[in-house]
Amino acid sequence: MKDRIKKLRKELDLTQQEFADRIGVKRGGIANYEIGRNEPADSVISLICREFNVNKNWLREGVGDIFIEQTMDEQIASFIGRVQMDSEDSFQKRLLSALAELNEDQWNLLSGIIQKLTK
């Protein structure tokens, strides 16, 4: 499992500290998992799978795809959940707050800007 935890962290482009912060454990714990000194408890495995939408079978046994496919609603709910844990002045939280206050004309304008940016 040590190699899969490291592979997952690298795939997510996170440092050990960032990975640890996201699941609420110490950085040293992640380092110990990655070098094989310790095996993560079932509770840590569940945290990893829930936070990063990881296939538990892949993490434990190396079977299947790394990530579980999510619907758009699931992706949005997961993102909002992560943003709610951010500090009050985080860009993502400020952006969502600003989006919540847009009127219909502003949404249409934003939609046009995004369409131009993604072409």
C-alpha atoms as a PDB file:
ATOM      1  CA  MET A   1       0.000   0.000   0.000  1.00  0.00           C
ATOM      2  CA  LYS A   2       2.939   2.332   0.615  1.00  0.00           C
ATOM      3  CA  ASP A   3       3.600   2.751  -3.101  1.00  0.00           C
ATOM      4  CA  ARG A   4      -0.071   3.406  -3.859  1.00  0.00           C
ATOM      5  CA  ILE A   5      -0.339   6.124  -1.196  1.00  0.00           C
ATOM      6  CA  LYS A   6       2.715   7.843  -2.640  1.00  0.00           C
ATOM      7  CA  LYS A   7       1.410   7.407  -6.196  1.00  0.00           C
ATOM      8  CA  LEU A   8      -1.941   8.903  -5.186  1.00  0.00           C
ATOM      9  CA  ARG A   9      -0.309  11.874  -3.493  1.00  0.00           C
ATOM     10  CA  LYS A  10       1.884  12.513  -6.544  1.00  0.00           C
ATOM     11  CA  GLU A  11      -1.126  12.120  -8.862  1.00  0.00           C
ATOM     12  CA  LEU A  12      -2.906  14.798  -6.825  1.00  0.00           C
ATOM     13  CA  ASP A  13       0.230  16.967  -6.949  1.00  0.00           C
ATOM     14  CA  LEU A  14       0.273  17.394  -3.164  1.00  0.00           C
ATOM     15  CA  THR A  15       3.151  17.555  -0.733  1.00  0.00           C
ATOM     16  CA  GLN A  16       3.081  15.213   2.236  1.00  0.00           C
ATOM     17  CA  GLN A  17       2.015  18.170   4.390  1.00  0.00           C
ATOM     18  CA  GLU A  18      -0.819  19.167   2.054  1.00  0.00           C
ATOM     19  CA  PHE A  19      -2.006  15.561   1.824  1.00  0.00           C
ATOM     20  CA  ALA A  20      -1.872  15.206   5.608  1.00  0.00           C
ATOM     21  CA  ASP A  21      -3.744  18.483   6.145  1.00  0.00           C
ATOM     22  CA  ARG A  22      -6.538  17.409   3.815  1.00  0.00           C
ATOM     23  CA  ILE A  23      -7.198  14.212   5.785  1.00  0.00           C
ATOM     24  CA  GLY A  24      -6.381  15.627   9.223  1.00  0.00           C
ATOM     25  CA  VAL A  25      -3.277  13.617  10.111  1.00  0.00           C
ATOM     26  CA  LYS A  26       0.331  14.571  10.780  1.00  0.00           C
ATOM     27  CA  ARG A  27       2.853  14.838   7.957  1.00  0.00           C
ATOM     28  CA  GLY A  28       5.070  12.291   9.675  1.00  0.00           C
ATOM     29  CA  GLY A  29       2.232   9.782   9.507  1.00  0.00           C
ATOM     30  CA  ILE A  30       2.073  10.151   5.725  1.00  0.00           C
ATOM     31  CA  ALA A  31       5.854   9.789   5.479  1.00  0.00           C
ATOM     32  CA  ASN A  32       5.676   6.608   7.553  1.00  0.00           C
ATOM     33  CA  TYR A  33       2.938   5.176   5.318  1.00  0.00           C
ATOM     34  CA  GLU A  34       4.928   5.971   2.184  1.00  0.00           C
ATOM     35  CA  ILE A  35       8.100   4.272   3.382  1.00  0.00           C
ATOM     36  CA  GLY A  36       6.186   1.306   4.757  1.00  0.00           C
ATOM     37  CA  ARG A  37       7.084   1.866   8.391  1.00  0.00           C
ATOM     38  CA  ASN A  38       3.380   1.912   9.352  1.00  0.00           C
ATOM     39  CA  GLU A  39       0.187   0.717   7.704  1.00  0.00           C
ATOM     40  CA  PRO A  40      -2.679   3.204   7.823  1.00  0.00           C
ATOM     41  CA  ALA A  41      -5.577   2.294  10.103  1.00  0.00           C
ATOM     42  CA  ASP A  42      -8.952   1.554   8.519  1.00  0.00           C
ATOM     43  CA  SER A  43     -10.125   5.009   9.619  1.00  0.00           C
ATOM     44  CA  VAL A  44      -7.243   6.683   7.734  1.00  0.00           C
ATOM     45  CA  ILE A  45      -7.957   4.598   4.633  1.00  0.00           C
ATOM     46  CA  SER A  46     -11.592   5.722   4.803  1.00  0.00           C
ATOM     47  CA  LEU A  47     -10.512   9.363   5.156  1.00  0.00           C
ATOM     48  CA  ILE A  48      -8.221   9.088   2.129  1.00  0.00           C
ATOM     49  CA  CYS A  49     -10.920   7.463   0.025  1.00  0.00           C
ATOM     50  CA  ARG A  50     -13.596   9.964   1.026  1.00  0.00           C
ATOM     51  CA  GLU A  51     -11.438  13.099   0.695  1.00  0.00           C
ATOM     52  CA  PHE A  52      -9.866  12.215  -2.644  1.00  0.00           C
ATOM     53  CA  ASN A  53     -12.645  10.039  -4.123  1.00  0.00           C
ATOM     54  CA  VAL A  54     -10.319   7.024  -4.221  1.00  0.00           C
ATOM     55  CA  ASN A  55     -11.375   3.466  -4.964  1.00  0.00           C
ATOM     56  CA  LYS A  56     -10.855   1.590  -1.679  1.00  0.00           C
ATOM     57  CA  ASN A  57     -10.040  -1.655  -3.554  1.00  0.00           C
ATOM     58  CA  TRP A  58      -7.286   0.107  -5.470  1.00  0.00           C
ATOM     59  CA  LEU A  59      -5.820   1.635  -2.321  1.00  0.00           C
ATOM     60  CA  ARG A  60      -5.860  -1.617  -0.349  1.00  0.00           C
ATOM     61  CA  GLU A  61      -5.142  -4.188  -3.074  1.00  0.00           C
ATOM     62  CA  GLY A  62      -4.121  -2.327  -6.224  1.00  0.00           C
ATOM     63  CA  VAL A  63      -7.269  -3.542  -8.015  1.00  0.00           C
ATOM     64  CA  GLY A  64      -9.307  -1.298 -10.309  1.00  0.00           C
ATOM     65  CA  ASP A  65      -9.038   2.386 -11.115  1.00  0.00           C
ATOM     66  CA  ILE A  66      -7.506   4.867  -8.700  1.00  0.00           C
ATOM     67  CA  PHE A  67     -10.483   7.195  -8.631  1.00  0.00           C
ATOM     68  CA  ILE A  68     -14.226   6.608  -8.466  1.00  0.00           C
ATOM     69  CA  GLU A  69     -16.266   8.344 -11.164  1.00  0.00           C
ATOM     70  CA  GLN A  70     -18.451  11.097  -9.748  1.00  0.00           C
ATOM     71  CA  THR A  71     -21.557  12.734 -11.104  1.00  0.00           C
ATOM     72  CA  MET A  72     -21.435  16.490 -11.598  1.00  0.00           C
ATOM     73  CA  ASP A  73     -23.580  16.938  -8.470  1.00  0.00           C
ATOM     74  CA  GLU A  74     -21.154  14.779  -6.453  1.00  0.00           C
ATOM     75  CA  GLN A  75     -18.178  16.771  -7.739  1.00  0.00           C
ATOM     76  CA  ILE A  76     -19.846  20.048  -6.796  1.00  0.00           C
ATOM     77  CA  ALA A  77     -20.838  18.802  -3.335  1.00  0.00           C
ATOM     78  CA  SER A  78     -17.313  17.526  -2.700  1.00  0.00           C
ATOM     79  CA  PHE A  79     -15.768  20.818  -3.816  1.00  0.00           C
ATOM     80  CA  ILE A  80     -18.122  22.897  -1.692  1.00  0.00           C
ATOM     81  CA  GLY A  81     -17.400  20.688   1.307  1.00  0.00           C
ATOM     82  CA  ARG A  82     -13.660  21.287   0.910  1.00  0.00           C
ATOM     83  CA  VAL A  83     -14.142  25.024   0.425  1.00  0.00           C
ATOM     84  CA  GLN A  84     -16.239  25.286   3.579  1.00  0.00           C
ATOM     85  CA  MET A  85     -13.229  24.078   5.560  1.00  0.00           C
ATOM     86  CA  ASP A  86     -11.011  26.827   4.069  1.00  0.00           C
ATOM     87  CA  SER A  87     -10.207  30.018   5.919  1.00  0.00           C
ATOM     88  CA  GLU A  88     -12.645  32.899   5.512  1.00  0.00           C
ATOM     89  CA  ASP A  89     -10.283  34.817   3.229  1.00  0.00           C
ATOM     90  CA  SER A  90      -9.481  31.939   0.853  1.00  0.00           C
ATOM     91  CA  PHE A  91      -9.921  32.768  -2.814  1.00  0.00           C
ATOM     92  CA  GLN A  92     -12.226  29.814  -3.394  1.00  0.00           C
ATOM     93  CA  LYS A  93     -14.533  30.820  -0.536  1.00  0.00           C
ATOM     94  CA  ARG A  94     -14.613  34.458  -1.685  1.00  0.00           C
ATOM     95  CA  LEU A  95     -15.315  33.349  -5.267  1.00  0.00           C
ATOM     96  CA  LEU A  96     -18.227  31.108  -4.249  1.00  0.00           C
ATOM     97  CA  SER A  97     -19.631  33.906  -2.103  1.00  0.00           C
ATOM     98  CA  ALA A  98     -19.436  36.327  -5.031  1.00  0.00           C
ATOM     99  CA  LEU A  99     -21.078  33.793  -7.366  1.00  0.00           C
ATOM    100  CA  ALA A 100     -23.924  33.332  -4.904  1.00  0.00           C
ATOM    101  CA  GLU A 101     -24.769  37.022  -5.226  1.00  0.00           C
ATOM    102  CA  LEU A 102     -24.871  37.234  -9.044  1.00  0.00           C
ATOM    103  CA  ASN A 103     -28.129  38.181 -10.749  1.00  0.00           C
ATOM    104  CA  GLU A 104     -29.346  36.623 -14.024  1.00  0.00           C
ATOM    105  CA  ASP A 105     -27.661  39.251 -16.248  1.00  0.00           C
ATOM    106  CA  GLN A 106     -24.344  38.766 -14.449  1.00  0.00           C
ATOM    107  CA  TRP A 107     -24.604  34.965 -14.836  1.00  0.00           C
ATOM    108  CA  ASN A 108     -25.183  35.420 -18.567  1.00  0.00           C
ATOM    109  CA  LEU A 109     -22.178  37.740 -18.841  1.00  0.00           C
ATOM    110  CA  LEU A 110     -20.005  35.290 -16.913  1.00  0.00           C
ATOM    111  CA  SER A 111     -21.180  32.441 -19.132  1.00  0.00           C
ATOM    112  CA  GLY A 112     -20.123  34.374 -22.225  1.00  0.00           C
ATOM    113  CA  ILE A 113     -16.686  35.114 -20.755  1.00  0.00           C
ATOM    114  CA  ILE A 114     -16.147  31.462 -19.870  1.00  0.00           C
ATOM    115  CA  GLN A 115     -17.189  30.325 -23.340  1.00  0.00           C
ATOM    116  CA  LYS A 116     -14.634  32.707 -24.880  1.00  0.00           C
ATOM    117  CA  LEU A 117     -11.892  31.514 -22.506  1.00  0.00           C
ATOM    118  CA  THR A 118     -12.504  27.843 -23.238  1.00  0.00           C
ATOM    119  CA  LYS A 119     -12.478  28.107 -27.030  1.00  0.00           C
END
